[in-house]
């Protein structure tokens, strides 16, 4: 069963301050760890030596295992973030949940290229601050993944 990791306090501090000056490969992997995706979900997003990167982050105390997934990797697992995002955008969840879902979706779509925008989204404290960042996210997705992916992202979060 694949492990599920989450950021520790040290990992969250590193995201905000870059105090430990992680190499770009490890920093990108750290950003992708969210406490929901298991190792099988993270491997395609971490382009080089995913297991080694996660192991190194865990050994250094940036992430910790919080359990293991009981499912195997399947195409259905890829739609879970989209379903969560749709629920959040319909008002079923609070602002924090919507923000987390948007960050996760942006990271899923763009991988490490989403780092700067993801950090800005995580710092947003209200919907007024988040909406322009969602629009920017849709524009970034359009540039990398195409117009249809961008439109789906914008529709999911009510900005398009």
C-alpha atoms as a PDB file:
ATOM      1  CA  UNK A   1       0.000   0.000   0.000  1.00  0.00           C
ATOM      2  CA  UNK A   2       1.475   3.382  -1.019  1.00  0.00           C
ATOM      3  CA  UNK A   3       2.271   5.887   1.715  1.00  0.00           C
ATOM      4  CA  UNK A   4       0.570   9.243   2.091  1.00  0.00           C
ATOM      5  CA  UNK A   5       2.790  12.121   3.246  1.00  0.00           C
ATOM      6  CA  UNK A   6       2.052  15.564   4.670  1.00  0.00           C
ATOM      7  CA  UNK A   7       4.272  18.562   5.309  1.00  0.00           C
ATOM      8  CA  UNK A   8       5.636  18.977   8.833  1.00  0.00           C
ATOM      9  CA  UNK A   9       5.988  22.357  10.534  1.00  0.00           C
ATOM     10  CA  UNK A  10       9.558  22.416   9.196  1.00  0.00           C
ATOM     11  CA  UNK A  11       8.239  21.744   5.684  1.00  0.00           C
ATOM     12  CA  UNK A  12       5.645  24.504   5.898  1.00  0.00           C
ATOM     13  CA  UNK A  13       8.301  26.914   7.147  1.00  0.00           C
ATOM     14  CA  UNK A  14      10.543  25.960   4.226  1.00  0.00           C
ATOM     15  CA  UNK A  15       7.745  26.695   1.752  1.00  0.00           C
ATOM     16  CA  UNK A  16       7.192  30.136   3.259  1.00  0.00           C
ATOM     17  CA  UNK A  17      10.777  31.213   4.001  1.00  0.00           C
ATOM     18  CA  UNK A  18      13.198  28.995   2.031  1.00  0.00           C
ATOM     19  CA  UNK A  19      15.283  28.967   5.226  1.00  0.00           C
ATOM     20  CA  UNK A  20      16.831  25.550   4.530  1.00  0.00           C
ATOM     21  CA  UNK A  21      17.545  26.298   0.863  1.00  0.00           C
ATOM     22  CA  UNK A  22      16.356  23.000  -0.500  1.00  0.00           C
ATOM     23  CA  UNK A  23      17.540  22.126  -3.998  1.00  0.00           C
ATOM     24  CA  UNK A  24      14.875  22.904  -6.623  1.00  0.00           C
ATOM     25  CA  UNK A  25      14.044  19.217  -7.188  1.00  0.00           C
ATOM     26  CA  UNK A  26      13.330  18.646  -3.488  1.00  0.00           C
ATOM     27  CA  UNK A  27      11.477  21.942  -3.088  1.00  0.00           C
ATOM     28  CA  UNK A  28       9.216  21.068  -6.010  1.00  0.00           C
ATOM     29  CA  UNK A  29       8.489  17.674  -4.465  1.00  0.00           C
ATOM     30  CA  UNK A  30       7.782  19.316  -1.093  1.00  0.00           C
ATOM     31  CA  UNK A  31       5.256  21.674  -2.686  1.00  0.00           C
ATOM     32  CA  UNK A  32       3.387  18.736  -4.201  1.00  0.00           C
ATOM     33  CA  UNK A  33       3.009  16.885  -0.876  1.00  0.00           C
ATOM     34  CA  UNK A  34      -0.475  17.661   0.444  1.00  0.00           C
ATOM     35  CA  UNK A  35      -1.500  14.922   2.864  1.00  0.00           C
ATOM     36  CA  UNK A  36      -4.003  13.461   0.409  1.00  0.00           C
ATOM     37  CA  UNK A  37      -2.075  12.132  -2.553  1.00  0.00           C
ATOM     38  CA  UNK A  38      -0.191   8.902  -2.052  1.00  0.00           C
ATOM     39  CA  UNK A  39       3.210   8.053  -3.499  1.00  0.00           C
ATOM     40  CA  UNK A  40       1.613   6.607  -6.654  1.00  0.00           C
ATOM     41  CA  UNK A  41      -0.186   9.910  -7.264  1.00  0.00           C
ATOM     42  CA  UNK A  42       2.969  11.945  -6.647  1.00  0.00           C
ATOM     43  CA  UNK A  43       5.331   9.914  -8.863  1.00  0.00           C
ATOM     44  CA  UNK A  44       4.056  11.296 -12.191  1.00  0.00           C
ATOM     45  CA  UNK A  45       4.207  14.849 -10.837  1.00  0.00           C
ATOM     46  CA  UNK A  46       7.760  14.595  -9.498  1.00  0.00           C
ATOM     47  CA  UNK A  47       9.693  14.251 -12.704  1.00  0.00           C
ATOM     48  CA  UNK A  48      12.977  12.855 -11.370  1.00  0.00           C
ATOM     49  CA  UNK A  49      13.592  10.151  -8.783  1.00  0.00           C
ATOM     50  CA  UNK A  50      10.286  10.604  -6.966  1.00  0.00           C
ATOM     51  CA  UNK A  51      10.804   7.948  -4.305  1.00  0.00           C
ATOM     52  CA  UNK A  52      14.307   9.201  -3.513  1.00  0.00           C
ATOM     53  CA  UNK A  53      13.076  12.789  -3.248  1.00  0.00           C
ATOM     54  CA  UNK A  54      10.249  11.835  -0.887  1.00  0.00           C
ATOM     55  CA  UNK A  55      12.562   9.667   1.178  1.00  0.00           C
ATOM     56  CA  UNK A  56      15.082  12.496   1.463  1.00  0.00           C
ATOM     57  CA  UNK A  57      12.387  14.978   2.514  1.00  0.00           C
ATOM     58  CA  UNK A  58      11.139  12.539   5.152  1.00  0.00           C
ATOM     59  CA  UNK A  59      14.652  11.863   6.483  1.00  0.00           C
ATOM     60  CA  UNK A  60      15.289  15.604   6.785  1.00  0.00           C
ATOM     61  CA  UNK A  61      11.994  16.157   8.611  1.00  0.00           C
ATOM     62  CA  UNK A  62      10.180  18.195   5.947  1.00  0.00           C
ATOM     63  CA  UNK A  63       7.417  15.609   5.468  1.00  0.00           C
ATOM     64  CA  UNK A  64       5.988  12.736   7.457  1.00  0.00           C
ATOM     65  CA  UNK A  65       3.981   9.646   6.578  1.00  0.00           C
ATOM     66  CA  UNK A  66       0.440   9.838   7.897  1.00  0.00           C
ATOM     67  CA  UNK A  67      -0.845   6.526   6.598  1.00  0.00           C
ATOM     68  CA  UNK A  68      -1.152   4.473   3.497  1.00  0.00           C
ATOM     69  CA  UNK A  69      -3.631   4.345   0.709  1.00  0.00           C
ATOM     70  CA  UNK A  70      -5.844   1.294   0.448  1.00  0.00           C
ATOM     71  CA  UNK A  71      -6.470   1.811  -3.232  1.00  0.00           C
ATOM     72  CA  UNK A  72      -4.252   1.017  -6.156  1.00  0.00           C
ATOM     73  CA  UNK A  73      -3.419   3.647  -8.742  1.00  0.00           C
ATOM     74  CA  UNK A  74      -6.310   3.944 -11.171  1.00  0.00           C
ATOM     75  CA  UNK A  75      -7.743   6.419 -13.640  1.00  0.00           C
ATOM     76  CA  UNK A  76     -10.599   7.124 -11.228  1.00  0.00           C
ATOM     77  CA  UNK A  77      -8.153   8.575  -8.700  1.00  0.00           C
ATOM     78  CA  UNK A  78      -7.257  11.346 -11.132  1.00  0.00           C
ATOM     79  CA  UNK A  79     -10.823  12.653 -11.059  1.00  0.00           C
ATOM     80  CA  UNK A  80     -10.976  12.959  -7.257  1.00  0.00           C
ATOM     81  CA  UNK A  81      -9.465  16.477  -7.151  1.00  0.00           C
ATOM     82  CA  UNK A  82     -11.888  17.600  -9.849  1.00  0.00           C
ATOM     83  CA  UNK A  83     -14.857  16.255  -7.893  1.00  0.00           C
ATOM     84  CA  UNK A  84     -13.665  17.983  -4.723  1.00  0.00           C
ATOM     85  CA  UNK A  85     -13.198  21.226  -6.624  1.00  0.00           C
ATOM     86  CA  UNK A  86     -16.692  21.059  -8.067  1.00  0.00           C
ATOM     87  CA  UNK A  87     -18.148  20.538  -4.599  1.00  0.00           C
ATOM     88  CA  UNK A  88     -16.156  23.452  -3.182  1.00  0.00           C
ATOM     89  CA  UNK A  89     -17.166  25.826  -5.948  1.00  0.00           C
ATOM     90  CA  UNK A  90     -20.862  25.072  -5.324  1.00  0.00           C
ATOM     91  CA  UNK A  91     -20.600  26.353  -1.773  1.00  0.00           C
ATOM     92  CA  UNK A  92     -20.504  22.902  -0.175  1.00  0.00           C
ATOM     93  CA  UNK A  93     -17.221  23.699   1.557  1.00  0.00           C
ATOM     94  CA  UNK A  94     -15.700  26.771   3.144  1.00  0.00           C
ATOM     95  CA  UNK A  95     -13.133  29.170   1.709  1.00  0.00           C
ATOM     96  CA  UNK A  96     -10.152  27.204   3.057  1.00  0.00           C
ATOM     97  CA  UNK A  97     -11.311  24.038   1.353  1.00  0.00           C
ATOM     98  CA  UNK A  98     -11.859  25.861  -1.938  1.00  0.00           C
ATOM     99  CA  UNK A  99      -8.396  27.407  -1.708  1.00  0.00           C
ATOM    100  CA  UNK A 100      -6.764  24.034  -0.946  1.00  0.00           C
ATOM    101  CA  UNK A 101      -8.616  22.405  -3.813  1.00  0.00           C
ATOM    102  CA  UNK A 102      -7.569  25.167  -6.214  1.00  0.00           C
ATOM    103  CA  UNK A 103      -3.918  24.872  -5.160  1.00  0.00           C
ATOM    104  CA  UNK A 104      -4.021  21.097  -5.552  1.00  0.00           C
ATOM    105  CA  UNK A 105      -5.650  21.335  -8.966  1.00  0.00           C
ATOM    106  CA  UNK A 106      -3.138  23.951 -10.110  1.00  0.00           C
ATOM    107  CA  UNK A 107      -0.255  21.740  -8.946  1.00  0.00           C
ATOM    108  CA  UNK A 108      -1.812  18.736 -10.689  1.00  0.00           C
ATOM    109  CA  UNK A 109      -2.090  20.700 -13.929  1.00  0.00           C
ATOM    110  CA  UNK A 110       1.261  22.515 -13.882  1.00  0.00           C
ATOM    111  CA  UNK A 111       3.519  20.584 -11.505  1.00  0.00           C
ATOM    112  CA  UNK A 112       6.535  22.556 -10.283  1.00  0.00           C
ATOM    113  CA  UNK A 113       5.681  25.465 -12.610  1.00  0.00           C
ATOM    114  CA  UNK A 114       2.776  26.257 -10.268  1.00  0.00           C
ATOM    115  CA  UNK A 115       5.039  26.952  -7.279  1.00  0.00           C
ATOM    116  CA  UNK A 116       4.899  30.759  -7.131  1.00  0.00           C
ATOM    117  CA  UNK A 117       1.195  31.021  -7.855  1.00  0.00           C
ATOM    118  CA  UNK A 118       0.404  28.203  -5.407  1.00  0.00           C
ATOM    119  CA  UNK A 119       2.223  30.035  -2.642  1.00  0.00           C
ATOM    120  CA  UNK A 120       0.253  33.204  -3.392  1.00  0.00           C
ATOM    121  CA  UNK A 121      -2.995  31.219  -3.328  1.00  0.00           C
ATOM    122  CA  UNK A 122      -2.078  29.638  -0.002  1.00  0.00           C
ATOM    123  CA  UNK A 123      -1.538  33.124   1.455  1.00  0.00           C
ATOM    124  CA  UNK A 124      -4.905  34.433   0.225  1.00  0.00           C
ATOM    125  CA  UNK A 125      -7.118  35.132   3.212  1.00  0.00           C
ATOM    126  CA  UNK A 126     -10.431  35.757   1.469  1.00  0.00           C
ATOM    127  CA  UNK A 127     -12.260  35.205  -1.783  1.00  0.00           C
ATOM    128  CA  UNK A 128     -11.467  38.722  -2.993  1.00  0.00           C
ATOM    129  CA  UNK A 129      -7.756  37.908  -2.871  1.00  0.00           C
ATOM    130  CA  UNK A 130      -8.199  34.421  -4.313  1.00  0.00           C
ATOM    131  CA  UNK A 131     -10.297  35.225  -7.395  1.00  0.00           C
ATOM    132  CA  UNK A 132      -7.581  37.157  -9.319  1.00  0.00           C
ATOM    133  CA  UNK A 133      -5.170  34.324  -8.534  1.00  0.00           C
ATOM    134  CA  UNK A 134      -7.652  31.783  -9.896  1.00  0.00           C
ATOM    135  CA  UNK A 135      -7.883  33.823 -13.101  1.00  0.00           C
ATOM    136  CA  UNK A 136      -4.090  33.890 -13.280  1.00  0.00           C
ATOM    137  CA  UNK A 137      -4.072  30.121 -12.689  1.00  0.00           C
ATOM    138  CA  UNK A 138      -6.452  29.589 -15.598  1.00  0.00           C
ATOM    139  CA  UNK A 139      -4.193  31.715 -17.815  1.00  0.00           C
ATOM    140  CA  UNK A 140      -1.146  29.678 -16.787  1.00  0.00           C
ATOM    141  CA  UNK A 141      -2.970  26.429 -17.468  1.00  0.00           C
ATOM    142  CA  UNK A 142      -3.985  27.747 -20.901  1.00  0.00           C
ATOM    143  CA  UNK A 143      -0.366  28.463 -21.733  1.00  0.00           C
ATOM    144  CA  UNK A 144       0.801  24.988 -20.703  1.00  0.00           C
ATOM    145  CA  UNK A 145      -2.142  22.604 -21.084  1.00  0.00           C
ATOM    146  CA  UNK A 146      -4.363  24.353 -23.592  1.00  0.00           C
ATOM    147  CA  UNK A 147      -7.570  26.295 -23.704  1.00  0.00           C
ATOM    148  CA  UNK A 148      -9.937  23.450 -22.810  1.00  0.00           C
ATOM    149  CA  UNK A 149      -8.019  22.615 -19.607  1.00  0.00           C
ATOM    150  CA  UNK A 150      -7.999  26.301 -18.669  1.00  0.00           C
ATOM    151  CA  UNK A 151     -11.730  26.632 -19.308  1.00  0.00           C
ATOM    152  CA  UNK A 152     -12.431  23.575 -17.152  1.00  0.00           C
ATOM    153  CA  UNK A 153     -10.325  25.045 -14.312  1.00  0.00           C
ATOM    154  CA  UNK A 154     -12.034  28.441 -14.599  1.00  0.00           C
ATOM    155  CA  UNK A 155     -15.498  26.877 -14.691  1.00  0.00           C
ATOM    156  CA  UNK A 156     -14.721  24.660 -11.707  1.00  0.00           C
ATOM    157  CA  UNK A 157     -13.917  27.710  -9.593  1.00  0.00           C
ATOM    158  CA  UNK A 158     -16.486  30.090 -11.068  1.00  0.00           C
ATOM    159  CA  UNK A 159     -14.045  32.518 -12.677  1.00  0.00           C
ATOM    160  CA  UNK A 160     -14.740  31.824 -16.321  1.00  0.00           C
END
